[in-house]
Amino acid sequence: MSDIEKDNMLLNKVTSSSKGDKAYWSFKGRAKRQYCHALIQYPAMMVPAMQGELIDAVLEIDSNITSIIDPFVGSGTTLGEAMCRGLDFVGLDINPLSILACEVKSGPLYIEAFKEKCHILLEKVRSDIRVDVAVQITNIDKWFTKEVQLALSKIYRAIQSENSKWARKIFWLCMSNTVRTVCNSRGSTFKLHIKSIEQIGNTPNTLDVFTKNIEKTIVALCEQKKILSEMGSLNKSISKSKIKIIHTDTSKKIGKDIQCDLLVSSPPYGDNNTTVTYGQFSYLSLKWIDEKDIDNLKIKGLLETQNKIDSSSLGGSIKGASEKFELLKYKSSSLCNTVKAISAVNSENVKKLITFVFDLDLALDNALLTLRKNAYMIWTLGNRRISNIEVPLDKIMREILEHKGCVFIHQVEREILSKRMAIKNRIANTMDKELILMMRK
């Protein structure tokens, strides 16, 4: 079968799934996050069932697929769907919290042993009578009440005393979700923004929150083990998938030994500081996690300030914007038109767009190097606004990829229903749909 015939089969498969229903890909009522997808709170997570259905569509057309890569792995939605299908997986991200989440999702799934360890750990927390704070955080009294600091410290020490690293990792993820609930930063935005005095006064009991997170985690791990077993993707308590999680800036060169058959990913829709601040969202949680227990950390100093992760991500620096635009402008006419439109309103704002797309372009080069010839790509994208002008990231991505020799297959539009976008985040007010861009290398 020729590549063109495969492309047409994939196009027909995806379009026939919706049967003309424009709302089909919104997955209304089908967007629940279960099994490993329920393990972590994280911004802007993809809908697992949607990604799974798109992966299945490609698997029907290309039976030679054994591995998937996600160069912006985030909370690990694609990882979870790959594992359910017994596929090998490579995931990349710059955020240490993302790396931890993916390491936990990767297993092992020693459920009964973990339940025993939970009882022991909670007893250690309850019997800890120390009154010292276990971690150092700049402005700690701003972000945590004294009572919360002491309670989190007891949990921190108890986790550190656990002998098994695989269990400590799960506990650290429970700690992350707990910190998110009991800190003094508002949950309605991904940026660090102090709660009102009244809200701080209503902070729930830290140990109660942690205990509930452990209980939810056990349910999720049990579901994960059950589904992997049913799919024939489990060897005793370990996933059959070979999984590699890499801590890296995706705009930098990736190892040459990676060769995958399919790409499924959702890149940032713009620079973190003005779209989704993944770094600020993760900062307080990461300060309460022993980074020595995250195996694959390679980039140092990301927790020096609350903005460091975001400023180190795509488009984090606006230096050299004019020079970067000169290198980009022949790759995307849509980018040129958007730059012109924004410049007419605010010439400073255009720098954010140019430097983001420049870094994204480098990341795409690196991603393509990890794919075999004729591999399919599924990109979930969103078009943000700058100076109230829509940035057509779907068109920009398509044009840049076509400039690199890739082939356009199809594009699906879906309404955003439950993707985790904080209500008061500025991006949430300007985005109500996503675009799924399907390309072939």
Foldseek 3Di string as FASTA:
>chain_A
DDLVVLLVQLLCLVVVVCVPPQAVLLCVVHQDQFFLSPQADAAQDDRLVSLLSSVVSNCVSPVPFQEEEAADCTLNSVVLSCLLQLHAYEYEHQDLLSLLNSLLSQDQLPLVVLVVLVVVLLVQLVPDPDQDFQFDDVPQVQWAPSQLRRSLRSSLVSLVPDDDLSSSSSLLRLLQRLSLQLTQADPLALARDGHDPVVNVVRDDSSVSSVVSSVSNSRSSVVSQVSSVVSVQDDPRGGSHHYHYANDALLDADDLPAEGQEYEYEDDQFQCVQAPVRQLNRQSSVSSRDSVSSPHDDDPDCNVDSCSSRLSHQLSDLPPLVVLCVVQCVQAVLLVVQQVVLCVPPNVQSSRVSRNVSSVLSSVVNVVSNYDAFGKYKYKYWWFDDSNHTRPVLRSVVSNVVVVVKAWRDKRKHFHDDRRHRPPRPRNVGTGIIMITMITD
